[in-house]
Amino acid sequence: MKRFKIKVIGDVQGVFYRFSAKQQADKLNITGFARNEPDDSVLIVAEGDDEALESLVMWAREGSPMAEVDNVETHEDKYTGEFKDFEVR
């Protein structure tokens, strides 16, 4: 199990990006959260198996249908197991 911090940069706030991220994470059995950041990016903190997390990162590059993703920054962090599900914050 791994933990990724994924920062999504672009026109990603107000376009159902976080809700769509939750739907994708739920499909992949990923736990964590997605939240808007003050710099207009979206931060996703996700825990799951390697293959599922890689799938989430691939999805993040496209995002919700109305999103315009300019860049995705991914950082692997220490797995904690602290989440029970995936939530929108």
PDB file of N, CA and C in Angstrom:
ATOM      1  N   MET A   1       0.842  -1.183   0.000  1.00  0.00           N
ATOM      2  CA  MET A   1       0.000   0.000   0.000  1.00  0.00           C
ATOM      3  C   MET A   1       0.888   1.248   0.000  1.00  0.00           C
ATOM      4  N   LYS A   2       0.395   2.262  -0.701  1.00  0.00           N
ATOM      5  CA  LYS A   2       1.147   3.507  -0.829  1.00  0.00           C
ATOM      6  C   LYS A   2       0.241   4.705  -0.579  1.00  0.00           C
ATOM      7  N   ARG A   3       0.883   5.857  -0.448  1.00  0.00           N
ATOM      8  CA  ARG A   3       0.167   7.127  -0.274  1.00  0.00           C
ATOM      9  C   ARG A   3       0.760   8.120  -1.261  1.00  0.00           C
ATOM     10  N   PHE A   4      -0.095   8.752  -2.044  1.00  0.00           N
ATOM     11  CA  PHE A   4       0.323   9.786  -2.980  1.00  0.00           C
ATOM     12  C   PHE A   4      -0.334  11.104  -2.610  1.00  0.00           C
ATOM     13  N   LYS A   5       0.432  12.179  -2.751  1.00  0.00           N
ATOM     14  CA  LYS A   5      -0.119  13.527  -2.738  1.00  0.00           C
ATOM     15  C   LYS A   5      -0.092  13.993  -4.182  1.00  0.00           C
ATOM     16  N   ILE A   6      -1.245  14.376  -4.689  1.00  0.00           N
ATOM     17  CA  ILE A   6      -1.377  14.757  -6.092  1.00  0.00           C
ATOM     18  C   ILE A   6      -1.890  16.192  -6.137  1.00  0.00           C
ATOM     19  N   LYS A   7      -1.105  17.088  -6.712  1.00  0.00           N
ATOM     20  CA  LYS A   7      -1.519  18.483  -6.869  1.00  0.00           C
ATOM     21  C   LYS A   7      -1.900  18.690  -8.329  1.00  0.00           C
ATOM     22  N   VAL A   8      -3.146  19.111  -8.539  1.00  0.00           N
ATOM     23  CA  VAL A   8      -3.667  19.300  -9.892  1.00  0.00           C
ATOM     24  C   VAL A   8      -3.802  20.797 -10.141  1.00  0.00           C
ATOM     25  N   ILE A   9      -3.122  21.263 -11.170  1.00  0.00           N
ATOM     26  CA  ILE A   9      -3.046  22.688 -11.482  1.00  0.00           C
ATOM     27  C   ILE A   9      -3.779  22.955 -12.797  1.00  0.00           C
ATOM     28  N   GLY A  10      -4.538  24.025 -12.808  1.00  0.00           N
ATOM     29  CA  GLY A  10      -5.282  24.410 -14.009  1.00  0.00           C
ATOM     30  C   GLY A  10      -6.638  24.961 -13.609  1.00  0.00           C
ATOM     31  N   ASP A  11      -7.582  24.896 -14.532  1.00  0.00           N
ATOM     32  CA  ASP A  11      -8.958  25.314 -14.247  1.00  0.00           C
ATOM     33  C   ASP A  11      -9.681  24.109 -13.675  1.00  0.00           C
ATOM     34  N   VAL A  12      -9.491  23.882 -12.361  1.00  0.00           N
ATOM     35  CA  VAL A  12      -9.979  22.664 -11.729  1.00  0.00           C
ATOM     36  C   VAL A  12     -10.891  22.929 -10.521  1.00  0.00           C
ATOM     37  N   GLN A  13     -11.161  24.182 -10.221  1.00  0.00           N
ATOM     38  CA  GLN A  13     -12.093  24.498  -9.138  1.00  0.00           C
ATOM     39  C   GLN A  13     -13.399  24.988  -9.746  1.00  0.00           C
ATOM     40  N   GLY A  14     -14.508  24.530  -9.173  1.00  0.00           N
ATOM     41  CA  GLY A  14     -15.820  24.937  -9.673  1.00  0.00           C
ATOM     42  C   GLY A  14     -16.263  24.179 -10.911  1.00  0.00           C
ATOM     43  N   VAL A  15     -15.606  23.053 -11.204  1.00  0.00           N
ATOM     44  CA  VAL A  15     -15.946  22.262 -12.403  1.00  0.00           C
ATOM     45  C   VAL A  15     -16.170  20.790 -12.039  1.00  0.00           C
ATOM     46  N   PHE A  16     -16.575  20.545 -10.803  1.00  0.00           N
ATOM     47  CA  PHE A  16     -16.869  19.193 -10.296  1.00  0.00           C
ATOM     48  C   PHE A  16     -15.646  18.280 -10.277  1.00  0.00           C
ATOM     49  N   TYR A  17     -14.460  18.868 -10.205  1.00  0.00           N
ATOM     50  CA  TYR A  17     -13.243  18.052 -10.214  1.00  0.00           C
ATOM     51  C   TYR A  17     -13.156  17.177  -8.963  1.00  0.00           C
ATOM     52  N   ARG A  18     -13.384  17.764  -7.785  1.00  0.00           N
ATOM     53  CA  ARG A  18     -13.276  16.989  -6.543  1.00  0.00           C
ATOM     54  C   ARG A  18     -14.323  15.877  -6.485  1.00  0.00           C
ATOM     55  N   PHE A  19     -15.552  16.170  -6.890  1.00  0.00           N
ATOM     56  CA  PHE A  19     -16.604  15.156  -6.907  1.00  0.00           C
ATOM     57  C   PHE A  19     -16.239  14.024  -7.869  1.00  0.00           C
ATOM     58  N   SER A  20     -15.723  14.379  -9.041  1.00  0.00           N
ATOM     59  CA  SER A  20     -15.308  13.364 -10.012  1.00  0.00           C
ATOM     60  C   SER A  20     -14.125  12.548  -9.487  1.00  0.00           C
ATOM     61  N   ALA A  21     -13.226  13.206  -8.747  1.00  0.00           N
ATOM     62  CA  ALA A  21     -12.095  12.488  -8.146  1.00  0.00           C
ATOM     63  C   ALA A  21     -12.599  11.461  -7.137  1.00  0.00           C
ATOM     64  N   LYS A  22     -13.613  11.834  -6.366  1.00  0.00           N
ATOM     65  CA  LYS A  22     -14.198  10.885  -5.410  1.00  0.00           C
ATOM     66  C   LYS A  22     -14.800   9.690  -6.134  1.00  0.00           C
ATOM     67  N   GLN A  23     -15.542   9.944  -7.200  1.00  0.00           N
ATOM     68  CA  GLN A  23     -16.137   8.839  -7.964  1.00  0.00           C
ATOM     69  C   GLN A  23     -15.049   7.890  -8.475  1.00  0.00           C
ATOM     70  N   GLN A  24     -13.973   8.447  -9.001  1.00  0.00           N
ATOM     71  CA  GLN A  24     -12.877   7.632  -9.524  1.00  0.00           C
ATOM     72  C   GLN A  24     -12.197   6.862  -8.404  1.00  0.00           C
ATOM     73  N   ALA A  25     -11.930   7.531  -7.288  1.00  0.00           N
ATOM     74  CA  ALA A  25     -11.279   6.877  -6.154  1.00  0.00           C
ATOM     75  C   ALA A  25     -12.152   5.738  -5.617  1.00  0.00           C
ATOM     76  N   ASP A  26     -13.454   5.965  -5.539  1.00  0.00           N
ATOM     77  CA  ASP A  26     -14.362   4.916  -5.060  1.00  0.00           C
ATOM     78  C   ASP A  26     -14.307   3.689  -5.984  1.00  0.00           C
ATOM     79  N   LYS A  27     -14.262   3.916  -7.285  1.00  0.00           N
ATOM     80  CA  LYS A  27     -14.157   2.803  -8.251  1.00  0.00           C
ATOM     81  C   LYS A  27     -12.876   2.003  -8.046  1.00  0.00           C
ATOM     82  N   LEU A  28     -11.808   2.702  -7.656  1.00  0.00           N
ATOM     83  CA  LEU A  28     -10.490   2.083  -7.525  1.00  0.00           C
ATOM     84  C   LEU A  28     -10.186   1.607  -6.102  1.00  0.00           C
ATOM     85  N   ASN A  29     -11.150   1.735  -5.195  1.00  0.00           N
ATOM     86  CA  ASN A  29     -10.955   1.372  -3.784  1.00  0.00           C
ATOM     87  C   ASN A  29      -9.805   2.142  -3.141  1.00  0.00           C
ATOM     88  N   ILE A  30      -9.759   3.427  -3.441  1.00  0.00           N
ATOM     89  CA  ILE A  30      -8.747   4.324  -2.882  1.00  0.00           C
ATOM     90  C   ILE A  30      -9.389   5.140  -1.774  1.00  0.00           C
ATOM     91  N   THR A  31      -8.654   5.343  -0.688  1.00  0.00           N
ATOM     92  CA  THR A  31      -9.124   6.181   0.404  1.00  0.00           C
ATOM     93  C   THR A  31      -8.335   7.485   0.416  1.00  0.00           C
ATOM     94  N   GLY A  32      -8.890   8.501   1.080  1.00  0.00           N
ATOM     95  CA  GLY A  32      -8.201   9.786   1.187  1.00  0.00           C
ATOM     96  C   GLY A  32      -9.165  10.933   1.037  1.00  0.00           C
ATOM     97  N   PHE A  33      -8.711  12.009   0.381  1.00  0.00           N
ATOM     98  CA  PHE A  33      -9.573  13.182   0.196  1.00  0.00           C
ATOM     99  C   PHE A  33      -9.091  14.023  -0.975  1.00  0.00           C
ATOM    100  N   ALA A  34      -9.993  14.908  -1.412  1.00  0.00           N
ATOM    101  CA  ALA A  34      -9.676  15.931  -2.406  1.00  0.00           C
ATOM    102  C   ALA A  34     -10.183  17.253  -1.852  1.00  0.00           C
ATOM    103  N   ARG A  35      -9.352  18.301  -1.944  1.00  0.00           N
ATOM    104  CA  ARG A  35      -9.789  19.611  -1.465  1.00  0.00           C
ATOM    105  C   ARG A  35      -9.222  20.721  -2.350  1.00  0.00           C
ATOM    106  N   ASN A  36      -9.951  21.836  -2.391  1.00  0.00           N
ATOM    107  CA  ASN A  36      -9.470  23.024  -3.084  1.00  0.00           C
ATOM    108  C   ASN A  36      -8.379  23.676  -2.256  1.00  0.00           C
ATOM    109  N   GLU A  37      -7.385  24.198  -2.926  1.00  0.00           N
ATOM    110  CA  GLU A  37      -6.282  24.895  -2.281  1.00  0.00           C
ATOM    111  C   GLU A  37      -6.375  26.396  -2.589  1.00  0.00           C
ATOM    112  N   PRO A  38      -5.800  27.247  -1.744  1.00  0.00           N
ATOM    113  CA  PRO A  38      -5.856  28.699  -1.955  1.00  0.00           C
ATOM    114  C   PRO A  38      -5.251  29.169  -3.289  1.00  0.00           C
ATOM    115  N   ASP A  39      -4.337  28.383  -3.864  1.00  0.00           N
ATOM    116  CA  ASP A  39      -3.706  28.780  -5.134  1.00  0.00           C
ATOM    117  C   ASP A  39      -4.500  28.316  -6.350  1.00  0.00           C
ATOM    118  N   ASP A  40      -5.774  27.948  -6.151  1.00  0.00           N
ATOM    119  CA  ASP A  40      -6.696  27.505  -7.204  1.00  0.00           C
ATOM    120  C   ASP A  40      -6.404  26.105  -7.732  1.00  0.00           C
ATOM    121  N   SER A  41      -5.507  25.380  -7.085  1.00  0.00           N
ATOM    122  CA  SER A  41      -5.263  23.985  -7.453  1.00  0.00           C
ATOM    123  C   SER A  41      -6.168  23.083  -6.625  1.00  0.00           C
ATOM    124  N   VAL A  42      -6.146  21.798  -6.929  1.00  0.00           N
ATOM    125  CA  VAL A  42      -6.831  20.793  -6.118  1.00  0.00           C
ATOM    126  C   VAL A  42      -5.766  19.845  -5.587  1.00  0.00           C
ATOM    127  N   LEU A  43      -5.823  19.569  -4.290  1.00  0.00           N
ATOM    128  CA  LEU A  43      -4.925  18.608  -3.666  1.00  0.00           C
ATOM    129  C   LEU A  43      -5.694  17.316  -3.431  1.00  0.00           C
ATOM    130  N   ILE A  44      -5.111  16.217  -3.889  1.00  0.00           N
ATOM    131  CA  ILE A  44      -5.658  14.896  -3.633  1.00  0.00           C
ATOM    132  C   ILE A  44      -4.636  14.142  -2.792  1.00  0.00           C
ATOM    133  N   VAL A  45      -5.062  13.642  -1.650  1.00  0.00           N
ATOM    134  CA  VAL A  45      -4.238  12.748  -0.837  1.00  0.00           C
ATOM    135  C   VAL A  45      -4.916  11.392  -0.937  1.00  0.00           C
ATOM    136  N   ALA A  46      -4.191  10.407  -1.456  1.00  0.00           N
ATOM    137  CA  ALA A  46      -4.801   9.119  -1.772  1.00  0.00           C
ATOM    138  C   ALA A  46      -3.944   7.969  -1.266  1.00  0.00           C
ATOM    139  N   GLU A  47      -4.616   6.962  -0.703  1.00  0.00           N
ATOM    140  CA  GLU A  47      -3.939   5.748  -0.259  1.00  0.00           C
ATOM    141  C   GLU A  47      -4.592   4.541  -0.912  1.00  0.00           C
ATOM    142  N   GLY A  48      -3.755   3.622  -1.353  1.00  0.00           N
ATOM    143  CA  GLY A  48      -4.244   2.411  -1.995  1.00  0.00           C
ATOM    144  C   GLY A  48      -3.091   1.612  -2.547  1.00  0.00           C
ATOM    145  N   ASP A  49      -3.423   0.602  -3.348  1.00  0.00           N
ATOM    146  CA  ASP A  49      -2.343  -0.185  -3.940  1.00  0.00           C
ATOM    147  C   ASP A  49      -1.738   0.566  -5.119  1.00  0.00           C
ATOM    148  N   ASP A  50      -0.557   0.151  -5.504  1.00  0.00           N
ATOM    149  CA  ASP A  50       0.230   0.853  -6.516  1.00  0.00           C
ATOM    150  C   ASP A  50      -0.529   1.016  -7.834  1.00  0.00           C
ATOM    151  N   GLU A  51      -1.135  -0.058  -8.313  1.00  0.00           N
ATOM    152  CA  GLU A  51      -1.830  -0.015  -9.596  1.00  0.00           C
ATOM    153  C   GLU A  51      -3.011   0.958  -9.559  1.00  0.00           C
ATOM    154  N   ALA A  52      -3.772   0.935  -8.466  1.00  0.00           N
ATOM    155  CA  ALA A  52      -4.921   1.837  -8.328  1.00  0.00           C
ATOM    156  C   ALA A  52      -4.466   3.289  -8.273  1.00  0.00           C
ATOM    157  N   LEU A  53      -3.400   3.571  -7.536  1.00  0.00           N
ATOM    158  CA  LEU A  53      -2.901   4.941  -7.445  1.00  0.00           C
ATOM    159  C   LEU A  53      -2.388   5.437  -8.786  1.00  0.00           C
ATOM    160  N   GLU A  54      -1.715   4.580  -9.531  1.00  0.00           N
ATOM    161  CA  GLU A  54      -1.246   4.979 -10.870  1.00  0.00           C
ATOM    162  C   GLU A  54      -2.432   5.284 -11.779  1.00  0.00           C
ATOM    163  N   SER A  55      -3.504   4.508 -11.650  1.00  0.00           N
ATOM    164  CA  SER A  55      -4.719   4.767 -12.434  1.00  0.00           C
ATOM    165  C   SER A  55      -5.329   6.112 -12.055  1.00  0.00           C
ATOM    166  N   LEU A  56      -5.324   6.443 -10.762  1.00  0.00           N
ATOM    167  CA  LEU A  56      -5.854   7.727 -10.318  1.00  0.00           C
ATOM    168  C   LEU A  56      -5.022   8.886 -10.863  1.00  0.00           C
ATOM    169  N   VAL A  57      -3.712   8.725 -10.868  1.00  0.00           N
ATOM    170  CA  VAL A  57      -2.842   9.777 -11.418  1.00  0.00           C
ATOM    171  C   VAL A  57      -3.124   9.967 -12.909  1.00  0.00           C
ATOM    172  N   MET A  58      -3.299   8.866 -13.634  1.00  0.00           N
ATOM    173  CA  MET A  58      -3.625   8.966 -15.069  1.00  0.00           C
ATOM    174  C   MET A  58      -4.949   9.709 -15.248  1.00  0.00           C
ATOM    175  N   TRP A  59      -5.944   9.359 -14.419  1.00  0.00           N
ATOM    176  CA  TRP A  59      -7.239  10.038 -14.495  1.00  0.00           C
ATOM    177  C   TRP A  59      -7.072  11.527 -14.180  1.00  0.00           C
ATOM    178  N   ALA A  60      -6.269  11.858 -13.185  1.00  0.00           N
ATOM    179  CA  ALA A  60      -6.093  13.249 -12.749  1.00  0.00           C
ATOM    180  C   ALA A  60      -5.596  14.143 -13.871  1.00  0.00           C
ATOM    181  N   ARG A  61      -4.876  13.593 -14.818  1.00  0.00           N
ATOM    182  CA  ARG A  61      -4.353  14.395 -15.937  1.00  0.00           C
ATOM    183  C   ARG A  61      -5.464  14.894 -16.853  1.00  0.00           C
ATOM    184  N   GLU A  62      -6.607  14.204 -16.843  1.00  0.00           N
ATOM    185  CA  GLU A  62      -7.770  14.623 -17.633  1.00  0.00           C
ATOM    186  C   GLU A  62      -8.819  15.261 -16.739  1.00  0.00           C
ATOM    187  N   GLY A  63      -9.153  14.577 -15.637  1.00  0.00           N
ATOM    188  CA  GLY A  63     -10.108  15.107 -14.666  1.00  0.00           C
ATOM    189  C   GLY A  63     -11.542  15.069 -15.145  1.00  0.00           C
ATOM    190  N   SER A  64     -12.352  15.922 -14.544  1.00  0.00           N
ATOM    191  CA  SER A  64     -13.768  15.997 -14.895  1.00  0.00           C
ATOM    192  C   SER A  64     -13.917  16.591 -16.293  1.00  0.00           C
ATOM    193  N   PRO A  65     -15.075  16.345 -16.925  1.00  0.00           N
ATOM    194  CA  PRO A  65     -15.252  16.817 -18.315  1.00  0.00           C
ATOM    195  C   PRO A  65     -15.055  18.318 -18.516  1.00  0.00           C
ATOM    196  N   MET A  66     -15.381  19.135 -17.521  1.00  0.00           N
ATOM    197  CA  MET A  66     -15.251  20.588 -17.683  1.00  0.00           C
ATOM    198  C   MET A  66     -13.898  21.128 -17.236  1.00  0.00           C
ATOM    199  N   ALA A  67     -13.064  20.294 -16.660  1.00  0.00           N
ATOM    200  CA  ALA A  67     -11.763  20.740 -16.147  1.00  0.00           C
ATOM    201  C   ALA A  67     -10.768  20.952 -17.289  1.00  0.00           C
ATOM    202  N   GLU A  68      -9.840  21.863 -17.040  1.00  0.00           N
ATOM    203  CA  GLU A  68      -8.715  22.080 -17.954  1.00  0.00           C
ATOM    204  C   GLU A  68      -7.444  21.935 -17.124  1.00  0.00           C
ATOM    205  N   VAL A  69      -6.862  20.752 -17.157  1.00  0.00           N
ATOM    206  CA  VAL A  69      -5.684  20.444 -16.348  1.00  0.00           C
ATOM    207  C   VAL A  69      -4.432  20.896 -17.090  1.00  0.00           C
ATOM    208  N   ASP A  70      -3.632  21.725 -16.423  1.00  0.00           N
ATOM    209  CA  ASP A  70      -2.367  22.194 -16.996  1.00  0.00           C
ATOM    210  C   ASP A  70      -1.191  21.327 -16.549  1.00  0.00           C
ATOM    211  N   ASN A  71      -1.233  20.869 -15.288  1.00  0.00           N
ATOM    212  CA  ASN A  71      -0.113  20.097 -14.750  1.00  0.00           C
ATOM    213  C   ASN A  71      -0.583  19.258 -13.569  1.00  0.00           C
ATOM    214  N   VAL A  72       0.072  18.120 -13.387  1.00  0.00           N
ATOM    215  CA  VAL A  72      -0.186  17.253 -12.241  1.00  0.00           C
ATOM    216  C   VAL A  72       1.152  16.938 -11.597  1.00  0.00           C
ATOM    217  N   GLU A  73       1.281  17.287 -10.324  1.00  0.00           N
ATOM    218  CA  GLU A  73       2.500  17.007  -9.564  1.00  0.00           C
ATOM    219  C   GLU A  73       2.193  15.888  -8.572  1.00  0.00           C
ATOM    220  N   THR A  74       2.996  14.843  -8.587  1.00  0.00           N
ATOM    221  CA  THR A  74       2.754  13.694  -7.723  1.00  0.00           C
ATOM    222  C   THR A  74       3.952  13.475  -6.815  1.00  0.00           C
ATOM    223  N   HIS A  75       3.649  13.230  -5.543  1.00  0.00           N
ATOM    224  CA  HIS A  75       4.688  12.972  -4.550  1.00  0.00           C
ATOM    225  C   HIS A  75       4.270  11.759  -3.731  1.00  0.00           C
ATOM    226  N   GLU A  76       5.143  10.761  -3.640  1.00  0.00           N
ATOM    227  CA  GLU A  76       4.844   9.610  -2.800  1.00  0.00           C
ATOM    228  C   GLU A  76       5.205   9.934  -1.363  1.00  0.00           C
ATOM    229  N   ASP A  77       4.302   9.613  -0.458  1.00  0.00           N
ATOM    230  CA  ASP A  77       4.474   9.892   0.955  1.00  0.00           C
ATOM    231  C   ASP A  77       4.346   8.582   1.727  1.00  0.00           C
ATOM    232  N   LYS A  78       4.573   8.635   3.020  1.00  0.00           N
ATOM    233  CA  LYS A  78       4.494   7.440   3.849  1.00  0.00           C
ATOM    234  C   LYS A  78       3.031   7.026   4.041  1.00  0.00           C
ATOM    235  N   TYR A  79       2.722   5.769   3.779  1.00  0.00           N
ATOM    236  CA  TYR A  79       1.380   5.225   3.970  1.00  0.00           C
ATOM    237  C   TYR A  79       1.033   5.243   5.456  1.00  0.00           C
ATOM    238  N   THR A  80      -0.194   5.711   5.783  1.00  0.00           N
ATOM    239  CA  THR A  80      -0.608   5.782   7.181  1.00  0.00           C
ATOM    240  C   THR A  80      -1.827   4.920   7.504  1.00  0.00           C
ATOM    241  N   GLY A  81      -2.664   4.634   6.517  1.00  0.00           N
ATOM    242  CA  GLY A  81      -3.878   3.869   6.764  1.00  0.00           C
ATOM    243  C   GLY A  81      -4.918   4.625   7.568  1.00  0.00           C
ATOM    244  N   GLU A  82      -4.819   5.954   7.603  1.00  0.00           N
ATOM    245  CA  GLU A  82      -5.700   6.760   8.455  1.00  0.00           C
ATOM    246  C   GLU A  82      -7.111   6.958   7.897  1.00  0.00           C
ATOM    247  N   PHE A  83      -7.326   6.699   6.620  1.00  0.00           N
ATOM    248  CA  PHE A  83      -8.609   6.980   5.997  1.00  0.00           C
ATOM    249  C   PHE A  83      -9.484   5.723   5.904  1.00  0.00           C
ATOM    250  N   LYS A  84     -10.796   5.916   6.089  1.00  0.00           N
ATOM    251  CA  LYS A  84     -11.737   4.810   5.958  1.00  0.00           C
ATOM    252  C   LYS A  84     -12.398   4.816   4.567  1.00  0.00           C
ATOM    253  N   ASP A  85     -12.469   5.998   3.958  1.00  0.00           N
ATOM    254  CA  ASP A  85     -13.068   6.153   2.634  1.00  0.00           C
ATOM    255  C   ASP A  85     -12.431   7.369   1.959  1.00  0.00           C
ATOM    256  N   PHE A  86     -13.002   7.786   0.834  1.00  0.00           N
ATOM    257  CA  PHE A  86     -12.505   8.959   0.124  1.00  0.00           C
ATOM    258  C   PHE A  86     -13.560  10.043   0.260  1.00  0.00           C
ATOM    259  N   GLU A  87     -13.131  11.236   0.639  1.00  0.00           N
ATOM    260  CA  GLU A  87     -14.099  12.316   0.840  1.00  0.00           C
ATOM    261  C   GLU A  87     -13.689  13.591   0.126  1.00  0.00           C
ATOM    262  N   VAL A  88     -14.699  14.400  -0.138  1.00  0.00           N
ATOM    263  CA  VAL A  88     -14.486  15.734  -0.701  1.00  0.00           C
ATOM    264  C   VAL A  88     -14.464  16.697   0.472  1.00  0.00           C
ATOM    265  N   ARG A  89     -13.421  17.484   0.545  1.00  0.00           N
ATOM    266  CA  ARG A  89     -13.312  18.491   1.620  1.00  0.00           C
ATOM    267  C   ARG A  89     -13.420  19.880   1.067  1.00  0.00           C
TER     268      ARG A  89
END
